[in-house]
All heavy atoms as atom14 arrays in JSON, in Angstrom:
{
  "sequence": "LHLFAFFLLPDESRRVSKEIQLVEFREYEP",
  "atom14_mask": [
    [1, 1, 1, 1, 1, 1, 1, 1, 0, 0, 0, 0, 0, 0],
    [1, 1, 1, 1, 1, 1, 1, 1, 1, 1, 0, 0, 0, 0],
    [1, 1, 1, 1, 1, 1, 1, 1, 0, 0, 0, 0, 0, 0],
    [1, 1, 1, 1, 1, 1, 1, 1, 1, 1, 1, 0, 0, 0],
    [1, 1, 1, 1, 1, 0, 0, 0, 0, 0, 0, 0, 0, 0],
    [1, 1, 1, 1, 1, 1, 1, 1, 1, 1, 1, 0, 0, 0],
    [1, 1, 1, 1, 1, 1, 1, 1, 1, 1, 1, 0, 0, 0],
    [1, 1, 1, 1, 1, 1, 1, 1, 0, 0, 0, 0, 0, 0],
    [1, 1, 1, 1, 1, 1, 1, 1, 0, 0, 0, 0, 0, 0],
    [1, 1, 1, 1, 1, 1, 1, 0, 0, 0, 0, 0, 0, 0],
    [1, 1, 1, 1, 1, 1, 1, 1, 0, 0, 0, 0, 0, 0],
    [1, 1, 1, 1, 1, 1, 1, 1, 1, 0, 0, 0, 0, 0],
    [1, 1, 1, 1, 1, 1, 0, 0, 0, 0, 0, 0, 0, 0],
    [1, 1, 1, 1, 1, 1, 1, 1, 1, 1, 1, 0, 0, 0],
    [1, 1, 1, 1, 1, 1, 1, 1, 1, 1, 1, 0, 0, 0],
    [1, 1, 1, 1, 1, 1, 1, 0, 0, 0, 0, 0, 0, 0],
    [1, 1, 1, 1, 1, 1, 0, 0, 0, 0, 0, 0, 0, 0],
    [1, 1, 1, 1, 1, 1, 1, 1, 1, 0, 0, 0, 0, 0],
    [1, 1, 1, 1, 1, 1, 1, 1, 1, 0, 0, 0, 0, 0],
    [1, 1, 1, 1, 1, 1, 1, 1, 0, 0, 0, 0, 0, 0],
    [1, 1, 1, 1, 1, 1, 1, 1, 1, 0, 0, 0, 0, 0],
    [1, 1, 1, 1, 1, 1, 1, 1, 0, 0, 0, 0, 0, 0],
    [1, 1, 1, 1, 1, 1, 1, 0, 0, 0, 0, 0, 0, 0],
    [1, 1, 1, 1, 1, 1, 1, 1, 1, 0, 0, 0, 0, 0],
    [1, 1, 1, 1, 1, 1, 1, 1, 1, 1, 1, 0, 0, 0],
    [1, 1, 1, 1, 1, 1, 1, 1, 1, 1, 1, 0, 0, 0],
    [1, 1, 1, 1, 1, 1, 1, 1, 1, 0, 0, 0, 0, 0],
    [1, 1, 1, 1, 1, 1, 1, 1, 1, 1, 1, 1, 0, 0],
    [1, 1, 1, 1, 1, 1, 1, 1, 1, 0, 0, 0, 0, 0],
    [1, 1, 1, 1, 1, 1, 1, 0, 0, 0, 0, 0, 0, 0]
  ],
  "atom14_positions": [
    [[-5.62, 63.52, 45.18], [-6.85, 62.8, 45.52], [-6.57, 61.65, 46.49], [-7.33, 61.4, 47.41], [-7.5, 62.25, 44.24], [-8.18, 63.3, 43.34], [-8.58, 62.65, 42.02], [-9.39, 63.9, 44.03], [0.0, 0.0, 0.0], [0.0, 0.0, 0.0], [0.0, 0.0, 0.0], [0.0, 0.0, 0.0], [0.0, 0.0, 0.0], [0.0, 0.0, 0.0]],
    [[-5.44, 60.96, 46.26], [-5.07, 59.87, 47.18], [-4.8, 60.4, 48.58], [-5.19, 59.79, 49.58], [-3.85, 59.13, 46.65], [-4.17, 58.1, 45.62], [-4.85, 56.95, 45.9], [-3.91, 58.05, 44.28], [-4.99, 56.22, 44.81], [-4.44, 56.88, 43.8], [0.0, 0.0, 0.0], [0.0, 0.0, 0.0], [0.0, 0.0, 0.0], [0.0, 0.0, 0.0]],
    [[-4.1, 61.55, 48.67], [-3.83, 62.14, 49.97], [-5.12, 62.56, 50.66], [-5.29, 62.39, 51.86], [-2.88, 63.35, 49.82], [-1.44, 63.0, 49.45], [-0.66, 64.28, 49.14], [-0.77, 62.24, 50.59], [0.0, 0.0, 0.0], [0.0, 0.0, 0.0], [0.0, 0.0, 0.0], [0.0, 0.0, 0.0], [0.0, 0.0, 0.0], [0.0, 0.0, 0.0]],
    [[-6.05, 63.14, 49.87], [-7.34, 63.52, 50.42], [-8.06, 62.3, 51.0], [-8.57, 62.32, 52.12], [-8.2, 64.17, 49.33], [-9.58, 64.53, 49.79], [-9.81, 65.73, 50.43], [-10.65, 63.66, 49.58], [-11.08, 66.06, 50.86], [-11.92, 63.99, 50.01], [-12.15, 65.2, 50.65], [0.0, 0.0, 0.0], [0.0, 0.0, 0.0], [0.0, 0.0, 0.0]],
    [[-8.07, 61.23, 50.23], [-8.74, 60.01, 50.68], [-8.05, 59.42, 51.9], [-8.69, 58.96, 52.83], [-8.78, 58.98, 49.55], [0.0, 0.0, 0.0], [0.0, 0.0, 0.0], [0.0, 0.0, 0.0], [0.0, 0.0, 0.0], [0.0, 0.0, 0.0], [0.0, 0.0, 0.0], [0.0, 0.0, 0.0], [0.0, 0.0, 0.0], [0.0, 0.0, 0.0]],
    [[-6.72, 59.48, 51.89], [-5.94, 58.89, 52.98], [-6.26, 59.56, 54.31], [-6.47, 58.92, 55.34], [-4.45, 59.04, 52.66], [-3.55, 58.45, 53.71], [-3.19, 57.11, 53.65], [-3.05, 59.23, 54.74], [-2.35, 56.56, 54.6], [-2.21, 58.69, 55.69], [-1.87, 57.35, 55.62], [0.0, 0.0, 0.0], [0.0, 0.0, 0.0], [0.0, 0.0, 0.0]],
    [[-6.32, 60.89, 54.3], [-6.46, 61.62, 55.55], [-7.91, 61.93, 55.92], [-8.24, 62.06, 57.08], [-5.67, 62.92, 55.49], [-4.2, 62.72, 55.56], [-3.37, 63.21, 54.57], [-3.62, 62.04, 56.61], [-1.99, 63.03, 54.63], [-2.26, 61.85, 56.69], [-1.44, 62.34, 55.7], [0.0, 0.0, 0.0], [0.0, 0.0, 0.0], [0.0, 0.0, 0.0]],
    [[-8.79, 62.06, 54.94], [-10.1, 62.6, 55.24], [-11.24, 61.6, 55.14], [-12.2, 61.69, 55.89], [-10.4, 63.8, 54.32], [-9.43, 64.97, 54.41], [-9.91, 66.09, 53.5], [-9.33, 65.48, 55.84], [0.0, 0.0, 0.0], [0.0, 0.0, 0.0], [0.0, 0.0, 0.0], [0.0, 0.0, 0.0], [0.0, 0.0, 0.0], [0.0, 0.0, 0.0]],
    [[-11.19, 60.7, 54.2], [-12.36, 59.88, 53.94], [-12.4, 58.63, 54.83], [-11.43, 57.89, 54.93], [-12.38, 59.45, 52.47], [-12.42, 60.61, 51.47], [-12.45, 60.07, 50.05], [-13.63, 61.5, 51.72], [0.0, 0.0, 0.0], [0.0, 0.0, 0.0], [0.0, 0.0, 0.0], [0.0, 0.0, 0.0], [0.0, 0.0, 0.0], [0.0, 0.0, 0.0]],
    [[-13.52, 58.38, 55.49], [-13.63, 57.25, 56.42], [-13.88, 55.94, 55.7], [-14.94, 55.33, 55.8], [-14.85, 57.65, 57.28], [-15.69, 58.48, 56.38], [-14.73, 59.21, 55.47], [0.0, 0.0, 0.0], [0.0, 0.0, 0.0], [0.0, 0.0, 0.0], [0.0, 0.0, 0.0], [0.0, 0.0, 0.0], [0.0, 0.0, 0.0], [0.0, 0.0, 0.0]],
    [[-12.92, 55.48, 54.93], [-13.03, 54.23, 54.19], [-12.67, 53.06, 55.09], [-11.51, 52.88, 55.46], [-12.11, 54.29, 52.96], [-12.12, 52.99, 52.18], [-12.96, 52.12, 52.48], [-11.3, 52.87, 51.26], [0.0, 0.0, 0.0], [0.0, 0.0, 0.0], [0.0, 0.0, 0.0], [0.0, 0.0, 0.0], [0.0, 0.0, 0.0], [0.0, 0.0, 0.0]],
    [[-13.65, 52.27, 55.46], [-13.41, 51.18, 56.41], [-12.53, 50.08, 55.83], [-11.99, 49.27, 56.55], [-14.75, 50.59, 56.87], [-15.58, 51.55, 57.71], [-14.82, 52.02, 58.95], [-14.07, 51.23, 59.55], [-14.98, 53.19, 59.31], [0.0, 0.0, 0.0], [0.0, 0.0, 0.0], [0.0, 0.0, 0.0], [0.0, 0.0, 0.0], [0.0, 0.0, 0.0]],
    [[-12.41, 50.02, 54.49], [-11.58, 48.98, 53.88], [-10.11, 49.34, 53.97], [-9.25, 48.5, 53.72], [-11.97, 48.79, 52.42], [-11.65, 49.96, 51.66], [0.0, 0.0, 0.0], [0.0, 0.0, 0.0], [0.0, 0.0, 0.0], [0.0, 0.0, 0.0], [0.0, 0.0, 0.0], [0.0, 0.0, 0.0], [0.0, 0.0, 0.0], [0.0, 0.0, 0.0]],
    [[-9.81, 50.6, 54.3], [-8.42, 51.06, 54.36], [-7.98, 51.11, 55.83], [-8.72, 51.52, 56.7], [-8.32, 52.47, 53.74], [-6.97, 53.11, 53.9], [-6.94, 54.44, 53.16], [-8.12, 55.23, 53.39], [-8.33, 55.93, 54.49], [-7.46, 55.92, 55.45], [-9.44, 56.66, 54.63], [0.0, 0.0, 0.0], [0.0, 0.0, 0.0], [0.0, 0.0, 0.0]],
    [[-6.78, 50.67, 56.09], [-6.25, 50.7, 57.45], [-5.02, 51.58, 57.48], [-4.06, 51.35, 56.74], [-5.91, 49.29, 57.93], [-7.14, 48.43, 58.19], [-7.92, 48.94, 59.39], [-9.14, 48.17, 59.59], [-10.34, 48.57, 59.21], [-10.47, 49.7, 58.55], [-11.4, 47.84, 59.47], [0.0, 0.0, 0.0], [0.0, 0.0, 0.0], [0.0, 0.0, 0.0]],
    [[-5.03, 52.57, 58.34], [-3.9, 53.47, 58.49], [-3.21, 53.15, 59.8], [-3.86, 52.93, 60.82], [-4.38, 54.94, 58.52], [-3.2, 55.89, 58.72], [-5.11, 55.28, 57.23], [0.0, 0.0, 0.0], [0.0, 0.0, 0.0], [0.0, 0.0, 0.0], [0.0, 0.0, 0.0], [0.0, 0.0, 0.0], [0.0, 0.0, 0.0], [0.0, 0.0, 0.0]],
    [[-1.89, 53.09, 59.78], [-1.14, 52.81, 61.0], [-1.57, 53.76, 62.1], [-1.74, 54.95, 61.89], [0.36, 52.99, 60.73], [1.08, 52.97, 61.95], [0.0, 0.0, 0.0], [0.0, 0.0, 0.0], [0.0, 0.0, 0.0], [0.0, 0.0, 0.0], [0.0, 0.0, 0.0], [0.0, 0.0, 0.0], [0.0, 0.0, 0.0], [0.0, 0.0, 0.0]],
    [[-1.73, 53.23, 63.31], [-2.18, 54.08, 64.4], [-1.02, 54.74, 65.14], [-1.21, 55.32, 66.2], [-3.05, 53.28, 65.37], [-2.38, 52.1, 66.04], [-3.39, 51.39, 66.94], [-2.81, 50.16, 67.59], [-3.8, 49.48, 68.44], [0.0, 0.0, 0.0], [0.0, 0.0, 0.0], [0.0, 0.0, 0.0], [0.0, 0.0, 0.0], [0.0, 0.0, 0.0]],
    [[0.14, 54.67, 64.61], [1.28, 55.34, 65.22], [2.05, 56.16, 64.19], [2.15, 55.76, 63.04], [2.25, 54.32, 65.84], [1.62, 53.41, 66.88], [1.27, 54.12, 68.17], [1.79, 55.22, 68.4], [0.47, 53.57, 68.94], [0.0, 0.0, 0.0], [0.0, 0.0, 0.0], [0.0, 0.0, 0.0], [0.0, 0.0, 0.0], [0.0, 0.0, 0.0]],
    [[2.55, 57.29, 64.63], [3.58, 58.01, 63.88], [4.84, 57.9, 64.72], [4.83, 58.17, 65.91], [3.21, 59.5, 63.7], [2.23, 59.67, 62.54], [4.44, 60.34, 63.43], [1.86, 61.1, 62.26], [0.0, 0.0, 0.0], [0.0, 0.0, 0.0], [0.0, 0.0, 0.0], [0.0, 0.0, 0.0], [0.0, 0.0, 0.0], [0.0, 0.0, 0.0]],
    [[5.92, 57.48, 64.11], [7.18, 57.35, 64.84], [8.24, 58.18, 64.12], [9.05, 57.66, 63.35], [7.59, 55.88, 64.93], [6.65, 55.07, 65.8], [7.07, 53.61, 65.92], [7.75, 53.08, 65.07], [6.66, 52.98, 67.01], [0.0, 0.0, 0.0], [0.0, 0.0, 0.0], [0.0, 0.0, 0.0], [0.0, 0.0, 0.0], [0.0, 0.0, 0.0]],
    [[8.19, 59.47, 64.36], [9.17, 60.38, 63.77], [10.45, 60.42, 64.6], [11.52, 60.7, 64.09], [8.58, 61.79, 63.65], [7.31, 61.89, 62.79], [6.75, 63.3, 62.82], [7.61, 61.48, 61.36], [0.0, 0.0, 0.0], [0.0, 0.0, 0.0], [0.0, 0.0, 0.0], [0.0, 0.0, 0.0], [0.0, 0.0, 0.0], [0.0, 0.0, 0.0]],
    [[10.33, 60.14, 65.89], [11.48, 60.13, 66.8], [11.41, 58.89, 67.67], [10.4, 58.65, 68.32], [11.5, 61.39, 67.69], [12.6, 61.29, 68.74], [11.71, 62.64, 66.85], [0.0, 0.0, 0.0], [0.0, 0.0, 0.0], [0.0, 0.0, 0.0], [0.0, 0.0, 0.0], [0.0, 0.0, 0.0], [0.0, 0.0, 0.0], [0.0, 0.0, 0.0]],
    [[12.47, 58.11, 67.68], [12.59, 56.97, 68.59], [13.32, 57.44, 69.84], [14.47, 57.86, 69.78], [13.37, 55.83, 67.93], [12.64, 55.15, 66.79], [11.57, 54.2, 67.29], [11.47, 54.01, 68.51], [10.84, 53.66, 66.45], [0.0, 0.0, 0.0], [0.0, 0.0, 0.0], [0.0, 0.0, 0.0], [0.0, 0.0, 0.0], [0.0, 0.0, 0.0]],
    [[12.64, 57.38, 70.99], [13.23, 57.9, 72.23], [14.56, 57.24, 72.56], [15.47, 57.88, 73.07], [12.25, 57.72, 73.39], [11.06, 58.63, 73.34], [9.79, 58.13, 73.12], [11.21, 60.0, 73.5], [8.69, 58.97, 73.06], [10.11, 60.85, 73.44], [8.84, 60.33, 73.23], [0.0, 0.0, 0.0], [0.0, 0.0, 0.0], [0.0, 0.0, 0.0]],
    [[14.67, 55.96, 72.26], [15.88, 55.24, 72.65], [17.1, 55.65, 71.81], [18.23, 55.35, 72.17], [15.67, 53.73, 72.53], [15.4, 53.22, 71.12], [15.23, 51.71, 71.09], [14.93, 51.21, 69.76], [13.7, 51.09, 69.28], [12.67, 51.45, 70.03], [13.5, 50.62, 68.06], [0.0, 0.0, 0.0], [0.0, 0.0, 0.0], [0.0, 0.0, 0.0]],
    [[16.86, 56.34, 70.69], [17.96, 56.7, 69.8], [18.6, 58.04, 70.14], [19.7, 58.34, 69.67], [17.46, 56.74, 68.35], [17.08, 55.38, 67.8], [16.65, 55.46, 66.35], [16.74, 56.56, 65.76], [16.21, 54.43, 65.8], [0.0, 0.0, 0.0], [0.0, 0.0, 0.0], [0.0, 0.0, 0.0], [0.0, 0.0, 0.0], [0.0, 0.0, 0.0]],
    [[17.92, 58.86, 70.91], [18.42, 60.22, 71.17], [18.34, 60.55, 72.66], [17.44, 60.1, 73.37], [17.59, 61.26, 70.39], [17.59, 61.04, 68.91], [16.49, 60.45, 68.28], [18.66, 61.43, 68.11], [16.47, 60.24, 66.91], [18.66, 61.22, 66.74], [17.56, 60.64, 66.15], [17.55, 60.43, 64.8], [0.0, 0.0, 0.0], [0.0, 0.0, 0.0]],
    [[19.28, 61.38, 73.11], [19.21, 61.88, 74.47], [18.03, 62.85, 74.58], [17.71, 63.56, 73.62], [20.51, 62.61, 74.82], [21.73, 61.71, 74.86], [22.99, 62.49, 75.17], [22.89, 63.72, 75.35], [24.05, 61.86, 75.23], [0.0, 0.0, 0.0], [0.0, 0.0, 0.0], [0.0, 0.0, 0.0], [0.0, 0.0, 0.0], [0.0, 0.0, 0.0]],
    [[17.38, 62.88, 75.74], [16.22, 63.78, 75.91], [16.52, 65.23, 75.54], [15.68, 65.89, 74.91], [15.9, 63.64, 77.4], [16.38, 62.27, 77.77], [17.6, 62.05, 76.94], [0.0, 0.0, 0.0], [0.0, 0.0, 0.0], [0.0, 0.0, 0.0], [0.0, 0.0, 0.0], [0.0, 0.0, 0.0], [0.0, 0.0, 0.0], [0.0, 0.0, 0.0]]
  ]
}
């Protein structure tokens, strides 16, 4: 239920980070 709310429900009181950083470009060669 928490995952459903996190991804789907437009709860204005909740703030989700606007970035996903799975790979840092500076850490790896292209």
